[in-house]
């Protein structure tokens, strides 16, 4: 499907959904310290659940959104998800216990999951070729722009109290209004088309195995990037790399790298073509190497920026490959699986760190960064060799 049927406002509306992809965590995590003071005696685990609990339900409902899109208009699903997201996101402002907040955050995750995969699915339906790459890149960039803006906004709201951070979810309802008027209708593919393909001996209902492989890559990309973010405060303070106020700046830098590479994704893809995964992994690895050897705040920022650029190239690339490897009738569920892997990676990250620590019998950050650097380096080499072999096979097939 071409992009001629969409107005600029329609494209803008699609991208605005991506603005709140990861807003659910970035808007609340900075408030956990203040919440701990208001709820003395509450365990650290429960406080962490306030931040990550939405991801539990978002992963489930991301896949559910793909299933629902086979029967209902994606615009209706998006609007319903945004309303659930915005309303339940604000309700903790009036909560009186941590348990109430966690319950409401689980409900918020339902809304997040319903909207998570659909922008990419709608982009794949309405855009082809270069316009598709551009939109997927901008969606990734805008999601990270939101993180940077949120860091500033939440900082000001925290001056009023942690409860005001939840009122920031009103922005989700504003985006719902924008999409009410701007988001194009995306009805489910006609069953007749499926019957035609089934009659030809093909199955359109089975998701290709490569989708699950792409989801695994997406999960590991976010898990490794999250390892850096989770340990940023400890690294800066334990190694005396900077003052406490510098932690927020350091955490924002990977997002800036993602914005940079996401915006330039089509141009980079045009130059490196199938070697884009290799390029993204190489930059990610260079960032991890720099992080391992860092002894100053400036090199830490450089490491974070390189990791952000690498990750920012991989995310839209994985979405683009997903759109090219599945049939149009499989877009919704396929994007639901790959998109859900983003949040699965964030959830998996702390467990990955525990596993690495058990493997080496040490909780040293230096060891953690060494292991992730080696893993990234191996992935980079494998990616390069795969593309070289694949390119040679394609050349041999074209030679008469």
Protein backbone atom coordinates (compact mmCIF):
# COMPACT_ATOMS: atom_id res chain seq x y z
CA UNK A 1 0.00 0.00 0.00
CA UNK A 2 1.34 3.44 -0.85
CA UNK A 3 1.44 6.53 1.29
CA UNK A 4 -0.70 8.73 -1.00
CA UNK A 5 -3.86 8.21 1.06
CA UNK A 6 -2.38 9.72 4.20
CA UNK A 7 -2.25 13.41 4.96
CA UNK A 8 0.67 14.96 6.83
CA UNK A 9 -1.60 15.21 9.87
CA UNK A 10 -2.32 11.49 9.57
CA UNK A 11 1.40 10.71 9.59
CA UNK A 12 1.90 13.06 12.53
CA UNK A 13 -0.89 11.32 14.45
CA UNK A 14 0.77 7.92 13.95
CA UNK A 15 4.11 9.23 15.20
CA UNK A 16 2.50 10.80 18.28
CA UNK A 17 1.53 7.31 19.47
CA UNK A 18 5.23 6.41 19.52
CA UNK A 19 5.80 9.43 21.77
CA UNK A 20 4.30 7.49 24.70
CA UNK A 21 5.84 4.06 23.99
CA UNK A 22 8.13 4.20 27.04
CA UNK A 23 6.54 7.16 28.84
CA UNK A 24 4.94 4.74 31.28
CA UNK A 25 8.27 4.14 33.06
CA UNK A 26 10.18 7.36 32.45
CA UNK A 27 7.40 9.45 33.99
CA UNK A 28 7.41 7.52 37.27
CA UNK A 29 10.90 6.12 37.97
CA UNK A 30 12.35 9.49 39.13
CA UNK A 31 9.60 9.71 41.80
CA UNK A 32 10.42 6.43 43.56
CA UNK A 33 12.76 8.08 46.06
CA UNK A 34 10.10 10.56 47.16
CA UNK A 35 7.48 7.81 47.33
CA UNK A 36 9.73 5.79 49.66
CA UNK A 37 9.71 8.70 52.12
CA UNK A 38 5.89 8.85 52.12
CA UNK A 39 5.53 5.07 52.50
CA UNK A 40 8.08 4.10 55.17
CA UNK A 41 8.57 0.39 55.67
CA UNK A 42 7.68 -0.50 52.08
CA UNK A 43 10.23 -2.89 50.56
CA UNK A 44 12.54 -1.90 47.72
CA UNK A 45 10.95 -4.62 45.58
CA UNK A 46 7.50 -3.06 45.89
CA UNK A 47 8.87 0.34 44.97
CA UNK A 48 10.53 -1.15 41.90
CA UNK A 49 7.24 -2.83 40.98
CA UNK A 50 5.66 0.63 40.76
CA UNK A 51 8.04 1.35 37.89
CA UNK A 52 8.10 -1.99 36.04
CA UNK A 53 4.68 -3.54 36.73
CA UNK A 54 3.06 -1.99 33.61
CA UNK A 55 5.48 -3.98 31.45
CA UNK A 56 4.00 -7.26 32.73
CA UNK A 57 0.57 -6.51 31.26
CA UNK A 58 1.88 -4.51 28.29
CA UNK A 59 3.77 -7.58 26.97
CA UNK A 60 0.61 -9.68 27.13
CA UNK A 61 -1.67 -7.06 25.59
CA UNK A 62 0.83 -6.16 22.90
CA UNK A 63 0.28 -9.64 21.47
CA UNK A 64 -3.46 -9.35 22.21
CA UNK A 65 -3.58 -6.10 20.20
CA UNK A 66 -2.27 -7.98 17.17
CA UNK A 67 -5.00 -10.60 17.59
CA UNK A 68 -7.73 -7.98 18.10
CA UNK A 69 -6.59 -6.12 14.97
CA UNK A 70 -7.64 -9.14 12.91
CA UNK A 71 -11.25 -8.42 13.86
CA UNK A 72 -11.47 -4.72 14.70
CA UNK A 73 -10.33 -1.42 13.21
CA UNK A 74 -6.87 -0.55 14.54
CA UNK A 75 -7.94 3.06 15.06
CA UNK A 76 -10.58 1.92 17.58
CA UNK A 77 -8.03 -0.24 19.39
CA UNK A 78 -5.52 2.63 19.54
CA UNK A 79 -8.08 5.10 20.85
CA UNK A 80 -9.31 2.64 23.48
CA UNK A 81 -5.74 1.88 24.52
CA UNK A 82 -4.81 5.56 24.80
CA UNK A 83 -7.87 6.28 26.98
CA UNK A 84 -7.04 3.36 29.31
CA UNK A 85 -3.39 4.45 29.33
CA UNK A 86 -4.15 8.08 30.16
CA UNK A 87 -6.94 7.62 32.71
CA UNK A 88 -5.35 4.78 34.70
CA UNK A 89 -2.00 6.54 34.43
CA UNK A 90 -3.36 9.54 36.36
CA UNK A 91 -5.38 7.62 38.97
CA UNK A 92 -2.39 6.85 41.29
CA UNK A 93 -2.42 10.58 42.14
CA UNK A 94 -5.32 9.74 44.47
CA UNK A 95 -4.01 6.36 45.70
CA UNK A 96 -3.37 5.89 49.42
CA UNK A 97 -1.27 2.71 49.41
CA UNK A 98 1.56 1.23 47.33
CA UNK A 99 -0.61 -1.79 46.54
CA UNK A 100 -3.25 0.47 45.00
CA UNK A 101 -0.61 2.17 42.89
CA UNK A 102 0.78 -1.16 41.65
CA UNK A 103 -2.71 -2.39 40.74
CA UNK A 104 -3.44 0.79 38.80
CA UNK A 105 -0.06 0.55 37.08
CA UNK A 106 -0.92 -2.97 35.93
CA UNK A 107 -4.10 -1.54 34.37
CA UNK A 108 -2.02 1.17 32.73
CA UNK A 109 0.07 -1.56 31.15
CA UNK A 110 -3.05 -2.86 29.39
CA UNK A 111 -3.42 0.47 27.59
CA UNK A 112 0.29 0.58 26.78
CA UNK A 113 0.19 -2.92 25.32
CA UNK A 114 -2.82 -2.14 23.13
CA UNK A 115 -1.05 0.78 21.44
CA UNK A 116 2.52 -0.55 21.38
CA UNK A 117 2.55 -2.57 18.11
CA UNK A 118 -0.10 -0.76 16.09
CA UNK A 119 1.82 2.34 14.90
CA UNK A 120 4.39 0.12 13.17
CA UNK A 121 1.64 -2.05 11.71
CA UNK A 122 -0.19 1.02 10.36
CA UNK A 123 3.07 2.42 8.97
CA UNK A 124 3.74 -0.89 7.18
CA UNK A 125 0.24 -0.81 5.69
CA UNK A 126 0.36 2.77 4.43
CA UNK A 127 4.02 3.24 3.49
CA UNK A 128 6.46 1.42 1.23
CA UNK A 129 10.19 1.65 0.53
CA UNK A 130 11.98 4.80 1.65
CA UNK A 131 8.89 6.45 3.22
CA UNK A 132 8.42 3.34 5.38
CA UNK A 133 12.04 3.44 6.56
CA UNK A 134 11.69 7.16 7.29
CA UNK A 135 8.54 6.70 9.37
CA UNK A 136 9.95 3.76 11.33
CA UNK A 137 13.11 5.75 12.04
CA UNK A 138 11.17 8.80 13.16
CA UNK A 139 8.94 6.66 15.40
CA UNK A 140 12.06 5.39 17.22
CA UNK A 141 13.50 8.90 17.41
CA UNK A 142 10.29 10.42 18.77
CA UNK A 143 9.98 7.74 21.47
CA UNK A 144 13.40 8.82 22.72
CA UNK A 145 12.62 12.54 22.36
CA UNK A 146 9.81 11.84 24.82
CA UNK A 147 12.30 10.39 27.31
CA UNK A 148 14.48 13.50 27.16
CA UNK A 149 11.53 15.89 27.50
CA UNK A 150 10.03 13.79 30.28
CA UNK A 151 13.25 13.98 32.29
CA UNK A 152 12.93 17.77 32.37
CA UNK A 153 9.15 17.82 32.91
CA UNK A 154 9.15 15.26 35.71
CA UNK A 155 11.99 17.10 37.42
CA UNK A 156 9.81 20.19 37.73
CA UNK A 157 6.74 18.20 38.82
CA UNK A 158 8.75 16.49 41.57
CA UNK A 159 9.24 19.92 43.14
CA UNK A 160 5.47 19.85 43.82
CA UNK A 161 5.45 16.24 45.05
CA UNK A 162 5.62 12.71 43.62
CA UNK A 163 1.86 12.54 43.07
CA UNK A 164 2.06 15.24 40.40
CA UNK A 165 4.22 12.96 38.23
CA UNK A 166 1.13 10.84 37.58
CA UNK A 167 -0.81 13.87 36.35
CA UNK A 168 1.72 14.05 33.50
CA UNK A 169 -0.19 11.14 31.95
CA UNK A 170 -2.76 13.70 30.82
CA UNK A 171 -0.54 14.11 27.74
CA UNK A 172 -1.69 10.64 26.67
CA UNK A 173 -5.30 11.87 26.54
CA UNK A 174 -4.18 14.84 24.42
CA UNK A 175 -2.58 12.37 22.00
CA UNK A 176 -5.86 10.39 22.01
CA UNK A 177 -7.71 13.50 20.83
CA UNK A 178 -5.11 14.09 18.09
CA UNK A 179 -5.57 10.51 16.88
CA UNK A 180 -9.35 10.75 17.05
CA UNK A 181 -9.19 13.28 14.22
CA UNK A 182 -5.92 12.37 12.49
CA UNK A 183 -5.36 8.61 12.65
CA UNK A 184 -6.47 6.86 9.44
CA UNK A 185 -8.89 3.97 9.65
CA UNK A 186 -7.15 0.60 9.38
CA UNK A 187 -9.80 -2.11 9.12
CA UNK A 188 -8.74 -5.77 9.34
CA UNK A 189 -7.69 -7.53 6.16
CA UNK A 190 -10.66 -9.16 4.45
CA UNK A 191 -11.19 -12.79 5.24
CA UNK A 192 -11.74 -13.42 1.54
CA UNK A 193 -8.14 -12.64 0.86
CA UNK A 194 -7.08 -15.20 3.44
CA UNK A 195 -9.36 -17.80 1.90
CA UNK A 196 -7.86 -17.15 -1.51
CA UNK A 197 -4.35 -17.67 -0.23
CA UNK A 198 -5.41 -20.77 1.72
CA UNK A 199 -6.92 -22.16 -1.46
CA UNK A 200 -3.56 -21.74 -3.14
CA UNK A 201 -2.01 -24.02 -0.54
CA UNK A 202 -0.46 -21.30 1.65
CA UNK A 203 -1.12 -20.63 5.30
CA UNK A 204 -1.41 -16.96 6.24
CA UNK A 205 -2.17 -17.62 9.90
CA UNK A 206 1.16 -19.14 10.88
CA UNK A 207 3.74 -16.58 11.96
CA UNK A 208 7.16 -17.22 10.35
CA UNK A 209 9.87 -18.36 12.75
CA UNK A 210 12.02 -15.36 11.82
CA UNK A 211 9.53 -13.12 13.67
CA UNK A 212 10.41 -14.84 16.94
CA UNK A 213 14.11 -14.50 16.12
CA UNK A 214 13.65 -10.78 15.47
CA UNK A 215 11.74 -10.51 18.76
CA UNK A 216 14.68 -12.15 20.55
CA UNK A 217 17.09 -9.65 18.98
CA UNK A 218 14.80 -6.78 20.03
CA UNK A 219 14.60 -8.11 23.58
CA UNK A 220 18.39 -8.42 23.92
CA UNK A 221 18.95 -4.96 22.42
CA UNK A 222 16.74 -3.36 25.08
CA UNK A 223 17.99 -5.62 27.87
CA UNK A 224 21.65 -4.71 27.31
CA UNK A 225 20.88 -1.00 26.88
CA UNK A 226 18.82 -1.11 30.07
CA UNK A 227 21.74 -2.71 31.95
CA UNK A 228 23.70 0.47 31.34
CA UNK A 229 20.85 2.73 32.46
CA UNK A 230 20.07 0.67 35.58
CA UNK A 231 23.66 0.87 36.81
CA UNK A 232 24.43 4.45 35.80
CA UNK A 233 23.93 6.00 39.24
CA UNK A 234 26.03 3.33 40.96
CA UNK A 235 28.84 3.69 38.41
CA UNK A 236 29.00 7.49 38.64
CA UNK A 237 28.92 7.63 42.43
CA UNK A 238 31.12 4.59 43.19
CA UNK A 239 33.83 5.61 40.70
CA UNK A 240 33.57 9.34 41.57
CA UNK A 241 32.88 10.24 37.95
CA UNK A 242 30.59 13.14 38.82
CA UNK A 243 28.09 14.76 41.17
CA UNK A 244 24.63 13.24 41.78
CA UNK A 245 22.95 15.84 39.55
CA UNK A 246 24.98 14.49 36.60
CA UNK A 247 23.21 11.11 36.78
CA UNK A 248 20.13 12.41 34.97
CA UNK A 249 22.27 13.87 32.20
CA UNK A 250 24.17 10.60 31.73
CA UNK A 251 20.93 8.59 31.58
CA UNK A 252 19.49 10.97 28.95
CA UNK A 253 22.48 10.63 26.59
CA UNK A 254 21.59 7.15 25.19
CA UNK A 255 18.19 8.60 24.30
CA UNK A 256 19.87 11.44 22.43
CA UNK A 257 21.93 8.89 20.51
CA UNK A 258 18.75 6.99 19.61
CA UNK A 259 17.12 10.24 18.43
CA UNK A 260 20.13 10.99 16.22
CA UNK A 261 20.33 7.57 14.58
CA UNK A 262 16.56 7.12 14.34
CA UNK A 263 16.19 10.38 12.43
CA UNK A 264 19.03 9.40 10.06
CA UNK A 265 17.94 5.77 9.70
CA UNK A 266 16.81 5.99 6.02
CA UNK A 267 20.02 7.70 4.93
CA UNK A 268 22.22 5.23 6.82
CA UNK A 269 20.24 2.28 5.43
CA UNK A 270 20.69 3.61 1.90
CA UNK A 271 24.48 3.70 2.35
CA UNK A 272 25.16 0.46 4.23
CA UNK A 273 22.11 -1.53 3.01
CA UNK A 274 22.06 -5.04 4.48
CA UNK A 275 25.08 -4.25 6.67
CA UNK A 276 22.97 -1.96 8.85
CA UNK A 277 22.63 -4.57 11.63
CA UNK A 278 26.42 -4.93 11.58
CA UNK A 279 26.85 -1.13 11.74
CA UNK A 280 24.44 -0.81 14.66
CA UNK A 281 26.07 -3.67 16.58
CA UNK A 282 29.56 -2.28 15.89
CA UNK A 283 28.63 1.13 17.33
CA UNK A 284 26.92 -0.57 20.28
CA UNK A 285 30.09 -2.62 20.89
CA UNK A 286 32.35 0.45 20.66
CA UNK A 287 30.15 2.15 23.23
CA UNK A 288 30.36 -0.87 25.52
CA UNK A 289 34.17 -1.00 25.16
CA UNK A 290 34.38 2.71 26.01
CA UNK A 291 32.13 2.14 29.02
CA UNK A 292 34.35 -0.70 30.25
CA UNK A 293 37.47 1.48 30.14
CA UNK A 294 35.86 4.76 31.22
CA UNK A 295 37.51 6.74 34.02
CA UNK A 296 35.88 10.13 33.45
CA UNK A 297 32.43 11.59 33.01
CA UNK A 298 33.23 12.78 29.47
CA UNK A 299 34.14 9.28 28.27
CA UNK A 300 31.04 7.94 30.00
CA UNK A 301 28.91 10.35 27.97
CA UNK A 302 30.71 9.28 24.79
CA UNK A 303 30.07 5.61 25.62
CA UNK A 304 26.38 6.25 26.27
CA UNK A 305 26.02 8.23 23.04
CA UNK A 306 27.62 5.43 20.99
CA UNK A 307 25.39 2.81 22.60
CA UNK A 308 22.36 5.01 21.93
CA UNK A 309 23.27 5.42 18.25
CA UNK A 310 23.79 1.68 17.85
CA UNK A 311 20.53 0.79 19.56
CA UNK A 312 18.70 3.53 17.67
CA UNK A 313 19.73 1.95 14.36
CA UNK A 314 18.80 -1.57 15.39
CA UNK A 315 15.24 -0.84 16.59
CA UNK A 316 13.79 0.57 13.32
CA UNK A 317 15.85 -1.95 11.34
CA UNK A 318 14.25 -4.86 13.21
CA UNK A 319 10.80 -3.37 12.64
CA UNK A 320 11.57 -2.84 8.94
CA UNK A 321 12.80 -6.42 8.51
CA UNK A 322 9.63 -7.62 10.24
CA UNK A 323 7.53 -5.73 7.68
CA UNK A 324 9.41 -7.36 4.79
CA UNK A 325 9.40 -10.93 6.10
CA UNK A 326 5.68 -11.40 6.72
CA UNK A 327 2.52 -11.20 4.69
CA UNK A 328 0.36 -8.09 5.09
CA UNK A 329 -2.26 -10.16 6.94
CA UNK A 330 0.40 -11.06 9.51
CA UNK A 331 1.51 -7.47 10.24
CA UNK A 332 -0.62 -7.01 13.35
CA UNK A 333 0.38 -10.13 15.28
CA UNK A 334 3.99 -10.00 14.06
CA UNK A 335 4.46 -6.42 15.20
CA UNK A 336 2.69 -7.30 18.44
CA UNK A 337 5.31 -9.97 19.13
CA UNK A 338 8.34 -7.86 18.14
CA UNK A 339 7.05 -4.71 19.88
CA UNK A 340 6.24 -6.62 23.05
CA UNK A 341 9.85 -7.81 23.10
CA UNK A 342 10.92 -4.20 23.77
CA UNK A 343 9.25 -4.21 27.17
CA UNK A 344 10.22 -7.84 27.76
CA UNK A 345 13.86 -6.76 27.39
CA UNK A 346 13.42 -4.05 30.01
CA UNK A 347 11.86 -6.59 32.39
CA UNK A 348 14.53 -9.19 31.63
CA UNK A 349 17.46 -6.83 32.21
CA UNK A 350 17.71 -7.13 36.03
CA UNK A 351 17.53 -10.93 35.79
CA UNK A 352 20.22 -10.90 33.11
CA UNK A 353 22.45 -8.93 35.47
CA UNK A 354 21.86 -11.45 38.26
CA UNK A 355 22.69 -14.30 35.89
CA UNK A 356 25.94 -12.67 34.77
CA UNK A 357 26.91 -12.03 38.40
CA UNK A 358 26.27 -15.68 39.29
CA UNK A 359 28.28 -16.82 36.27
CA UNK A 360 31.36 -14.92 37.40
CA UNK A 361 30.63 -15.11 41.13
CA UNK A 362 30.99 -11.33 41.32
CA UNK A 363 28.69 -8.29 41.23
CA UNK A 364 31.43 -6.04 39.85
CA UNK A 365 30.21 -3.59 37.23
CA UNK A 366 33.53 -4.00 35.45
CA UNK A 367 32.82 -7.72 35.00
CA UNK A 368 29.26 -6.97 33.87
CA UNK A 369 30.48 -4.56 31.19
CA UNK A 370 33.18 -7.02 30.10
CA UNK A 371 30.65 -9.82 29.54
CA UNK A 372 28.22 -7.60 27.64
CA UNK A 373 31.08 -6.23 25.52
CA UNK A 374 32.21 -9.74 24.58
CA UNK A 375 28.62 -10.76 23.77
CA UNK A 376 28.14 -7.68 21.57
CA UNK A 377 31.47 -8.26 19.83
CA UNK A 378 30.52 -11.86 19.03
CA UNK A 379 27.13 -10.71 17.70
CA UNK A 380 28.88 -8.08 15.56
CA UNK A 381 31.24 -10.63 13.98
CA UNK A 382 28.39 -13.08 13.34
CA UNK A 383 26.34 -10.31 11.70
CA UNK A 384 29.25 -9.34 9.42
CA UNK A 385 30.02 -12.94 8.39
CA UNK A 386 26.35 -13.65 7.74
CA UNK A 387 25.96 -10.65 5.45
CA UNK A 388 29.18 -11.45 3.60
CA UNK A 389 28.07 -15.03 2.93
CA UNK A 390 24.56 -13.89 2.04
CA UNK A 391 25.89 -11.26 -0.39
CA UNK A 392 28.14 -13.79 -2.15
CA UNK A 393 25.27 -16.22 -2.54
CA UNK A 394 23.13 -13.49 -4.10
CA UNK A 395 25.93 -12.62 -6.55
CA UNK A 396 26.40 -16.27 -7.51
CA UNK A 397 22.67 -16.67 -8.11
CA UNK A 398 22.66 -13.70 -10.51
CA UNK A 399 25.64 -14.99 -12.53
CA UNK A 400 24.38 -17.10 -15.48
